[in-house]
Amino acid sequence: MQGMAGITVSLAQFGACEDKLANLRRIQGYAQKTKEFGASMLFLPEYSMFYAKMNRRSQIKQAAEPLDGPFVSALSQMARQYGLWLAAGMYEQSDALPYNTVVIVDADGVLRGAHRKQRLYNAFGYRESDECRAGENPFHPVDTPVGRLGVITCFELRFPALAAAQKQAGAEVLLVPAGWAVGDNKVLHWRTLLCARAIENNMTVLGVDQYAPGCFVGHSAAFAANGCTLGALEEGDGLLTITI
């Protein structure tokens, strides 16, 4: 692994809302705690910028921002203020429907990467493709304090080839931000698939989920390359801090 041994990172589990400023305040609170705990990276869920429960297509399109917009600019400011790397989900503007994007910002506030979700959640009676467009290319892993970081988003966890492609591209740690929907055995699916991706690719996997009763399951977790649990949350908001 290119990253130094014994790097401490935090995973923030919370439920985003339609108020983008309120979501940023939540993120800043987690960033402050992450710094206090001595961690160097803060990982946040899918949809961290904004989440609407109703009229999603129109609200998402209205809320979407460019990669140099207010949300990423605020993350960059926080990164510089606290000396942290940050990763968070957002809706990215396009010339059509927005992308479901995860951005990675380094401790100098520089945008180091952006993953546009390729496999949209058209399953279990839901059609994400009605509100977002699919990304065209896989994420190119980036060097971070914890090692070379790969990214897949939420539903993409169900496709082993996507995690394997990140490994083949050089990823040493795999980040999986999610808004993992509630349903029968969905916590079992989430935890099992995170662990499986770790074991089959021999790399650490970090799963950071939203939590919202009746909507998202929470249960964020980190797994070592051998499948051992490095740390886990259950329901509710929380900050999971682990050392890799």
C-alpha atoms as a PDB file:
ATOM      1  CA  MET A   1       0.000   0.000   0.000  1.00  0.00           C
ATOM      2  CA  GLN A   2       1.329   3.415  -0.926  1.00  0.00           C
ATOM      3  CA  GLY A   3      -0.322   5.140   2.031  1.00  0.00           C
ATOM      4  CA  MET A   4       1.427   5.123   5.380  1.00  0.00           C
ATOM      5  CA  ALA A   5       0.470   2.411   7.850  1.00  0.00           C
ATOM      6  CA  GLY A   6      -1.791   3.452  10.688  1.00  0.00           C
ATOM      7  CA  ILE A   7      -3.764   6.196   8.961  1.00  0.00           C
ATOM      8  CA  THR A   8      -6.909   7.264  10.820  1.00  0.00           C
ATOM      9  CA  VAL A   9     -10.055   8.102   8.854  1.00  0.00           C
ATOM     10  CA  SER A  10     -13.683   8.891   9.701  1.00  0.00           C
ATOM     11  CA  LEU A  11     -16.980   7.892   8.085  1.00  0.00           C
ATOM     12  CA  ALA A  12     -19.941  10.205   8.747  1.00  0.00           C
ATOM     13  CA  GLN A  13     -23.405   8.644   8.714  1.00  0.00           C
ATOM     14  CA  PHE A  14     -26.323  11.075   8.537  1.00  0.00           C
ATOM     15  CA  GLY A  15     -29.479  11.845   6.594  1.00  0.00           C
ATOM     16  CA  ALA A  16     -29.245  14.764   4.184  1.00  0.00           C
ATOM     17  CA  CYS A  17     -32.263  16.979   3.514  1.00  0.00           C
ATOM     18  CA  GLU A  18     -33.470  19.558   0.973  1.00  0.00           C
ATOM     19  CA  ASP A  19     -31.677  22.403   2.777  1.00  0.00           C
ATOM     20  CA  LYS A  20     -28.170  22.483   1.302  1.00  0.00           C
ATOM     21  CA  LEU A  21     -26.885  24.945   3.894  1.00  0.00           C
ATOM     22  CA  ALA A  22     -28.138  22.727   6.710  1.00  0.00           C
ATOM     23  CA  ASN A  23     -26.362  19.768   5.126  1.00  0.00           C
ATOM     24  CA  LEU A  24     -23.132  21.769   4.931  1.00  0.00           C
ATOM     25  CA  ARG A  25     -23.462  22.646   8.610  1.00  0.00           C
ATOM     26  CA  ARG A  26     -23.782  18.944   9.414  1.00  0.00           C
ATOM     27  CA  ILE A  27     -20.714  18.181   7.315  1.00  0.00           C
ATOM     28  CA  GLN A  28     -18.732  20.940   9.022  1.00  0.00           C
ATOM     29  CA  GLY A  29     -19.631  19.503  12.419  1.00  0.00           C
ATOM     30  CA  TYR A  30     -18.339  16.114  11.345  1.00  0.00           C
ATOM     31  CA  ALA A  31     -15.201  17.693   9.899  1.00  0.00           C
ATOM     32  CA  GLN A  32     -14.479  19.385  13.222  1.00  0.00           C
ATOM     33  CA  LYS A  33     -14.934  16.118  15.124  1.00  0.00           C
ATOM     34  CA  THR A  34     -12.799  14.265  12.579  1.00  0.00           C
ATOM     35  CA  LYS A  35      -9.984  16.745  13.153  1.00  0.00           C
ATOM     36  CA  GLU A  36     -10.354  16.418  16.930  1.00  0.00           C
ATOM     37  CA  PHE A  37     -10.075  12.633  16.628  1.00  0.00           C
ATOM     38  CA  GLY A  38      -6.806  12.979  14.729  1.00  0.00           C
ATOM     39  CA  ALA A  39      -8.107  11.575  11.441  1.00  0.00           C
ATOM     40  CA  SER A  40      -6.762  12.731   8.086  1.00  0.00           C
ATOM     41  CA  MET A  41      -9.768  11.914   5.870  1.00  0.00           C
ATOM     42  CA  LEU A  42     -13.549  12.294   6.206  1.00  0.00           C
ATOM     43  CA  PHE A  43     -15.835  10.185   4.032  1.00  0.00           C
ATOM     44  CA  LEU A  44     -19.475  11.225   3.598  1.00  0.00           C
ATOM     45  CA  PRO A  45     -22.435   9.450   1.976  1.00  0.00           C
ATOM     46  CA  GLU A  46     -24.050   9.616  -1.424  1.00  0.00           C
ATOM     47  CA  TYR A  47     -26.428  12.630  -1.702  1.00  0.00           C
ATOM     48  CA  SER A  48     -24.591  14.530   1.056  1.00  0.00           C
ATOM     49  CA  MET A  49     -25.256  17.829  -0.717  1.00  0.00           C
ATOM     50  CA  PHE A  50     -29.019  17.401  -1.088  1.00  0.00           C
ATOM     51  CA  TYR A  51     -31.779  14.836  -0.793  1.00  0.00           C
ATOM     52  CA  ALA A  52     -35.443  15.345  -1.657  1.00  0.00           C
ATOM     53  CA  LYS A  53     -38.163  12.851  -0.797  1.00  0.00           C
ATOM     54  CA  MET A  54     -40.836  14.333  -3.090  1.00  0.00           C
ATOM     55  CA  ASN A  55     -40.841  15.634  -6.684  1.00  0.00           C
ATOM     56  CA  ARG A  56     -37.348  14.333  -6.969  1.00  0.00           C
ATOM     57  CA  ARG A  57     -36.741  14.824 -10.696  1.00  0.00           C
ATOM     58  CA  SER A  58     -37.534  18.536 -10.671  1.00  0.00           C
ATOM     59  CA  GLN A  59     -35.904  19.229  -7.302  1.00  0.00           C
ATOM     60  CA  ILE A  60     -32.698  17.387  -8.152  1.00  0.00           C
ATOM     61  CA  LYS A  61     -32.354  19.226 -11.443  1.00  0.00           C
ATOM     62  CA  GLN A  62     -32.861  22.542  -9.671  1.00  0.00           C
ATOM     63  CA  ALA A  63     -30.426  21.668  -6.868  1.00  0.00           C
ATOM     64  CA  ALA A  64     -27.626  20.343  -9.094  1.00  0.00           C
ATOM     65  CA  GLU A  65     -24.385  22.336  -9.199  1.00  0.00           C
ATOM     66  CA  PRO A  66     -21.217  22.366 -11.300  1.00  0.00           C
ATOM     67  CA  LEU A  67     -18.009  20.955  -9.844  1.00  0.00           C
ATOM     68  CA  ASP A  68     -16.814  24.510  -9.181  1.00  0.00           C
ATOM     69  CA  GLY A  69     -20.108  25.514  -7.562  1.00  0.00           C
ATOM     70  CA  PRO A  70     -20.997  26.443  -3.957  1.00  0.00           C
ATOM     71  CA  PHE A  71     -21.010  22.889  -2.547  1.00  0.00           C
ATOM     72  CA  VAL A  72     -17.563  21.871  -3.737  1.00  0.00           C
ATOM     73  CA  SER A  73     -16.245  25.334  -2.877  1.00  0.00           C
ATOM     74  CA  ALA A  74     -17.556  24.911   0.683  1.00  0.00           C
ATOM     75  CA  LEU A  75     -15.925  21.477   0.931  1.00  0.00           C
ATOM     76  CA  SER A  76     -12.657  22.978  -0.268  1.00  0.00           C
ATOM     77  CA  GLN A  77     -12.828  25.669   2.389  1.00  0.00           C
ATOM     78  CA  MET A  78     -13.513  23.064   5.095  1.00  0.00           C
ATOM     79  CA  ALA A  79     -10.658  20.907   3.828  1.00  0.00           C
ATOM     80  CA  ARG A  80      -8.238  23.808   4.167  1.00  0.00           C
ATOM     81  CA  GLN A  81      -9.655  24.897   7.521  1.00  0.00           C
ATOM     82  CA  TYR A  82      -9.347  21.477   9.135  1.00  0.00           C
ATOM     83  CA  GLY A  83      -6.456  20.050   7.119  1.00  0.00           C
ATOM     84  CA  LEU A  84      -8.590  17.114   5.948  1.00  0.00           C
ATOM     85  CA  TRP A  85      -9.290  15.231   2.762  1.00  0.00           C
ATOM     86  CA  LEU A  86     -13.057  15.057   2.147  1.00  0.00           C
ATOM     87  CA  ALA A  87     -15.212  12.839  -0.058  1.00  0.00           C
ATOM     88  CA  ALA A  88     -18.936  13.525  -0.492  1.00  0.00           C
ATOM     89  CA  GLY A  89     -21.869  12.842  -2.787  1.00  0.00           C
ATOM     90  CA  MET A  90     -23.591  15.579  -4.803  1.00  0.00           C
ATOM     91  CA  TYR A  91     -25.757  16.191  -7.861  1.00  0.00           C
ATOM     92  CA  GLU A  92     -23.638  17.569 -10.684  1.00  0.00           C
ATOM     93  CA  GLN A  93     -25.119  19.779 -13.386  1.00  0.00           C
ATOM     94  CA  SER A  94     -25.047  18.587 -16.969  1.00  0.00           C
ATOM     95  CA  ASP A  95     -26.699  19.597 -20.234  1.00  0.00           C
ATOM     96  CA  ALA A  96     -29.445  17.066 -19.458  1.00  0.00           C
ATOM     97  CA  LEU A  97     -30.310  15.267 -16.224  1.00  0.00           C
ATOM     98  CA  PRO A  98     -27.732  15.701 -13.437  1.00  0.00           C
ATOM     99  CA  TYR A  99     -25.021  13.200 -12.635  1.00  0.00           C
ATOM    100  CA  ASN A 100     -24.961  11.432  -9.266  1.00  0.00           C
ATOM    101  CA  THR A 101     -21.365  12.344  -8.418  1.00  0.00           C
ATOM    102  CA  VAL A 102     -18.895  11.731  -5.599  1.00  0.00           C
ATOM    103  CA  VAL A 103     -16.137  14.333  -5.267  1.00  0.00           C
ATOM    104  CA  ILE A 104     -12.776  14.000  -3.530  1.00  0.00           C
ATOM    105  CA  VAL A 105     -11.057  17.126  -2.209  1.00  0.00           C
ATOM    106  CA  ASP A 106      -7.561  17.136  -0.721  1.00  0.00           C
ATOM    107  CA  ALA A 107      -6.358  18.965   2.391  1.00  0.00           C
ATOM    108  CA  ASP A 108      -5.335  21.967   0.276  1.00  0.00           C
ATOM    109  CA  GLY A 109      -8.894  22.277  -1.014  1.00  0.00           C
ATOM    110  CA  VAL A 110      -8.036  20.955  -4.486  1.00  0.00           C
ATOM    111  CA  LEU A 111     -10.586  18.769  -6.287  1.00  0.00           C
ATOM    112  CA  ARG A 112      -8.669  15.550  -6.903  1.00  0.00           C
ATOM    113  CA  GLY A 113     -11.350  13.377  -8.471  1.00  0.00           C
ATOM    114  CA  ALA A 114     -15.038  12.944  -9.271  1.00  0.00           C
ATOM    115  CA  HIS A 115     -16.918   9.691  -9.821  1.00  0.00           C
ATOM    116  CA  ARG A 116     -20.104   9.887 -11.847  1.00  0.00           C
ATOM    117  CA  LYS A 117     -22.229   6.880 -10.930  1.00  0.00           C
ATOM    118  CA  GLN A 118     -22.447   4.546 -13.924  1.00  0.00           C
ATOM    119  CA  ARG A 119     -24.901   1.878 -12.758  1.00  0.00           C
ATOM    120  CA  LEU A 120     -28.034   3.725 -11.712  1.00  0.00           C
ATOM    121  CA  TYR A 121     -30.491   2.237  -9.242  1.00  0.00           C
ATOM    122  CA  ASN A 122     -33.095   0.789 -11.587  1.00  0.00           C
ATOM    123  CA  ALA A 123     -34.156  -2.024  -9.275  1.00  0.00           C
ATOM    124  CA  PHE A 124     -36.585  -2.990  -6.528  1.00  0.00           C
ATOM    125  CA  GLY A 125     -39.308  -0.879  -8.130  1.00  0.00           C
ATOM    126  CA  TYR A 126     -37.227   2.306  -8.408  1.00  0.00           C
ATOM    127  CA  ARG A 127     -35.819   4.065 -11.490  1.00  0.00           C
ATOM    128  CA  GLU A 128     -32.939   6.396 -10.726  1.00  0.00           C
ATOM    129  CA  SER A 129     -32.517   6.908 -14.467  1.00  0.00           C
ATOM    130  CA  ASP A 130     -35.701   8.995 -14.402  1.00  0.00           C
ATOM    131  CA  GLU A 131     -33.870  11.629 -12.343  1.00  0.00           C
ATOM    132  CA  CYS A 132     -30.150  11.202 -13.096  1.00  0.00           C
ATOM    133  CA  ARG A 133     -27.967  10.408 -16.092  1.00  0.00           C
ATOM    134  CA  ALA A 134     -25.356   7.675 -15.966  1.00  0.00           C
ATOM    135  CA  GLY A 135     -21.658   8.431 -15.942  1.00  0.00           C
ATOM    136  CA  GLU A 136     -19.701   7.361 -18.984  1.00  0.00           C
ATOM    137  CA  ASN A 137     -16.385   6.314 -17.427  1.00  0.00           C
ATOM    138  CA  PRO A 138     -15.160   4.488 -14.311  1.00  0.00           C
ATOM    139  CA  PHE A 139     -13.365   6.430 -11.616  1.00  0.00           C
ATOM    140  CA  HIS A 140      -9.594   6.704 -11.919  1.00  0.00           C
ATOM    141  CA  PRO A 141      -8.123   5.924  -8.459  1.00  0.00           C
ATOM    142  CA  VAL A 142      -6.266   8.775  -6.760  1.00  0.00           C
ATOM    143  CA  ASP A 143      -3.393   8.779  -4.290  1.00  0.00           C
ATOM    144  CA  THR A 144      -4.524   9.809  -0.795  1.00  0.00           C
ATOM    145  CA  PRO A 145      -3.101   9.587   2.737  1.00  0.00           C
ATOM    146  CA  VAL A 146      -4.714   6.163   3.132  1.00  0.00           C
ATOM    147  CA  GLY A 147      -3.373   4.820  -0.171  1.00  0.00           C
ATOM    148  CA  ARG A 148      -4.673   4.814  -3.707  1.00  0.00           C
ATOM    149  CA  LEU A 149      -8.429   5.285  -3.381  1.00  0.00           C
ATOM    150  CA  GLY A 150     -11.035   3.839  -5.722  1.00  0.00           C
ATOM    151  CA  VAL A 151     -14.744   4.712  -5.709  1.00  0.00           C
ATOM    152  CA  ILE A 152     -17.993   2.997  -6.625  1.00  0.00           C
ATOM    153  CA  THR A 153     -21.389   4.333  -5.536  1.00  0.00           C
ATOM    154  CA  CYS A 154     -24.227   2.501  -3.755  1.00  0.00           C
ATOM    155  CA  PHE A 155     -25.994   0.177  -6.264  1.00  0.00           C
ATOM    156  CA  GLU A 156     -22.668  -0.349  -8.046  1.00  0.00           C
ATOM    157  CA  LEU A 157     -21.656  -2.455  -5.036  1.00  0.00           C
ATOM    158  CA  ARG A 158     -23.898  -5.202  -6.429  1.00  0.00           C
ATOM    159  CA  PHE A 159     -21.665  -5.577  -9.508  1.00  0.00           C
ATOM    160  CA  PRO A 160     -18.404  -7.359  -8.595  1.00  0.00           C
ATOM    161  CA  ALA A 161     -16.733  -6.380 -11.881  1.00  0.00           C
ATOM    162  CA  LEU A 162     -16.893  -2.681 -10.973  1.00  0.00           C
ATOM    163  CA  ALA A 163     -14.954  -3.178  -7.730  1.00  0.00           C
ATOM    164  CA  ALA A 164     -12.543  -5.497  -9.521  1.00  0.00           C
ATOM    165  CA  ALA A 165     -11.934  -2.836 -12.178  1.00  0.00           C
ATOM    166  CA  GLN A 166     -10.994  -0.336  -9.460  1.00  0.00           C
ATOM    167  CA  LYS A 167      -8.525  -2.863  -8.060  1.00  0.00           C
ATOM    168  CA  GLN A 168      -7.068  -3.472 -11.507  1.00  0.00           C
ATOM    169  CA  ALA A 169      -6.701   0.293 -11.962  1.00  0.00           C
ATOM    170  CA  GLY A 170      -4.526   0.422  -8.855  1.00  0.00           C
ATOM    171  CA  ALA A 171      -6.972   1.002  -5.994  1.00  0.00           C
ATOM    172  CA  GLU A 172      -5.748  -0.114  -2.572  1.00  0.00           C
ATOM    173  CA  VAL A 173      -8.813   1.110  -0.654  1.00  0.00           C
ATOM    174  CA  LEU A 174     -12.353   1.157  -2.052  1.00  0.00           C
ATOM    175  CA  LEU A 175     -14.847   3.827  -0.982  1.00  0.00           C
ATOM    176  CA  VAL A 176     -18.562   3.035  -1.324  1.00  0.00           C
ATOM    177  CA  PRO A 177     -20.743   6.069  -0.494  1.00  0.00           C
ATOM    178  CA  ALA A 178     -24.398   5.107  -0.439  1.00  0.00           C
ATOM    179  CA  GLY A 179     -28.002   5.900   0.185  1.00  0.00           C
ATOM    180  CA  TRP A 180     -28.832   2.192   0.701  1.00  0.00           C
ATOM    181  CA  ALA A 181     -32.601   1.904   0.604  1.00  0.00           C
ATOM    182  CA  VAL A 182     -34.563   0.089   3.303  1.00  0.00           C
ATOM    183  CA  GLY A 183     -36.267  -3.215   2.501  1.00  0.00           C
ATOM    184  CA  ASP A 184     -36.271  -6.915   3.280  1.00  0.00           C
ATOM    185  CA  ASN A 185     -32.779  -8.091   4.241  1.00  0.00           C
ATOM    186  CA  LYS A 186     -31.246  -4.888   2.880  1.00  0.00           C
ATOM    187  CA  VAL A 187     -28.868  -4.452   5.843  1.00  0.00           C
ATOM    188  CA  LEU A 188     -27.728  -8.047   5.266  1.00  0.00           C
ATOM    189  CA  HIS A 189     -27.178  -7.298   1.564  1.00  0.00           C
ATOM    190  CA  TRP A 190     -25.225  -4.119   2.323  1.00  0.00           C
ATOM    191  CA  ARG A 191     -22.880  -5.600   4.924  1.00  0.00           C
ATOM    192  CA  THR A 192     -22.388  -8.887   3.044  1.00  0.00           C
ATOM    193  CA  LEU A 193     -21.535  -7.202  -0.244  1.00  0.00           C
ATOM    194  CA  LEU A 194     -19.094  -4.769   1.394  1.00  0.00           C
ATOM    195  CA  CYS A 195     -17.294  -7.696   3.014  1.00  0.00           C
ATOM    196  CA  ALA A 196     -17.335  -9.730  -0.196  1.00  0.00           C
ATOM    197  CA  ARG A 197     -15.805  -6.902  -2.239  1.00  0.00           C
ATOM    198  CA  ALA A 198     -13.028  -6.627   0.369  1.00  0.00           C
ATOM    199  CA  ILE A 199     -12.219 -10.332   0.364  1.00  0.00           C
ATOM    200  CA  GLU A 200     -12.389 -10.984  -3.363  1.00  0.00           C
ATOM    201  CA  ASN A 201     -10.213  -7.958  -4.202  1.00  0.00           C
ATOM    202  CA  ASN A 202      -7.883  -8.163  -1.192  1.00  0.00           C
ATOM    203  CA  MET A 203      -8.408  -4.509  -0.312  1.00  0.00           C
ATOM    204  CA  THR A 204      -9.946  -2.426   2.445  1.00  0.00           C
ATOM    205  CA  VAL A 205     -13.549  -1.380   1.751  1.00  0.00           C
ATOM    206  CA  LEU A 206     -15.232   1.626   3.386  1.00  0.00           C
ATOM    207  CA  GLY A 207     -19.024   1.748   3.164  1.00  0.00           C
ATOM    208  CA  VAL A 208     -20.567   5.046   4.317  1.00  0.00           C
ATOM    209  CA  ASP A 209     -24.345   5.223   4.162  1.00  0.00           C
ATOM    210  CA  GLN A 210     -27.079   7.737   4.793  1.00  0.00           C
ATOM    211  CA  TYR A 211     -29.459   7.047   7.644  1.00  0.00           C
ATOM    212  CA  ALA A 212     -33.096   8.111   7.475  1.00  0.00           C
ATOM    213  CA  PRO A 213     -35.906   6.090   9.089  1.00  0.00           C
ATOM    214  CA  GLY A 214     -38.038   4.390   6.463  1.00  0.00           C
ATOM    215  CA  CYS A 215     -35.653   5.495   3.715  1.00  0.00           C
ATOM    216  CA  PHE A 216     -31.965   4.570   4.229  1.00  0.00           C
ATOM    217  CA  VAL A 217     -30.582   1.816   6.459  1.00  0.00           C
ATOM    218  CA  GLY A 218     -27.407   3.368   7.884  1.00  0.00           C
ATOM    219  CA  HIS A 219     -25.124   0.582   9.178  1.00  0.00           C
ATOM    220  CA  SER A 220     -21.958   2.109   7.718  1.00  0.00           C
ATOM    221  CA  ALA A 221     -19.006  -0.270   8.024  1.00  0.00           C
ATOM    222  CA  ALA A 222     -15.361  -0.779   7.136  1.00  0.00           C
ATOM    223  CA  PHE A 223     -13.806  -4.129   6.256  1.00  0.00           C
ATOM    224  CA  ALA A 224     -10.163  -5.127   6.030  1.00  0.00           C
ATOM    225  CA  ALA A 225      -8.847  -7.007   3.026  1.00  0.00           C
ATOM    226  CA  ASN A 226      -9.241 -10.304   4.906  1.00  0.00           C
ATOM    227  CA  GLY A 227     -12.908  -9.624   5.648  1.00  0.00           C
ATOM    228  CA  CYS A 228     -12.466  -8.636   9.290  1.00  0.00           C
ATOM    229  CA  THR A 229     -14.636  -5.743  10.467  1.00  0.00           C
ATOM    230  CA  LEU A 230     -12.579  -2.642  11.223  1.00  0.00           C
ATOM    231  CA  GLY A 231     -15.584  -0.806  12.624  1.00  0.00           C
ATOM    232  CA  ALA A 232     -19.314  -0.397  12.133  1.00  0.00           C
ATOM    233  CA  LEU A 233     -22.296   1.759  13.011  1.00  0.00           C
ATOM    234  CA  GLU A 234     -25.924   0.717  13.347  1.00  0.00           C
ATOM    235  CA  GLU A 235     -28.970   2.967  12.960  1.00  0.00           C
ATOM    236  CA  GLY A 236     -28.848   6.676  13.706  1.00  0.00           C
ATOM    237  CA  ASP A 237     -26.436   9.475  12.912  1.00  0.00           C
ATOM    238  CA  GLY A 238     -22.852   8.933  13.891  1.00  0.00           C
ATOM    239  CA  LEU A 239     -19.153   9.187  13.154  1.00  0.00           C
ATOM    240  CA  LEU A 240     -17.116   6.013  12.739  1.00  0.00           C
ATOM    241  CA  THR A 241     -13.386   6.581  13.226  1.00  0.00           C
ATOM    242  CA  ILE A 242     -10.983   3.766  12.392  1.00  0.00           C
ATOM    243  CA  THR A 243      -7.292   3.238  11.774  1.00  0.00           C
ATOM    244  CA  ILE A 244      -6.184   1.461   8.610  1.00  0.00           C
END
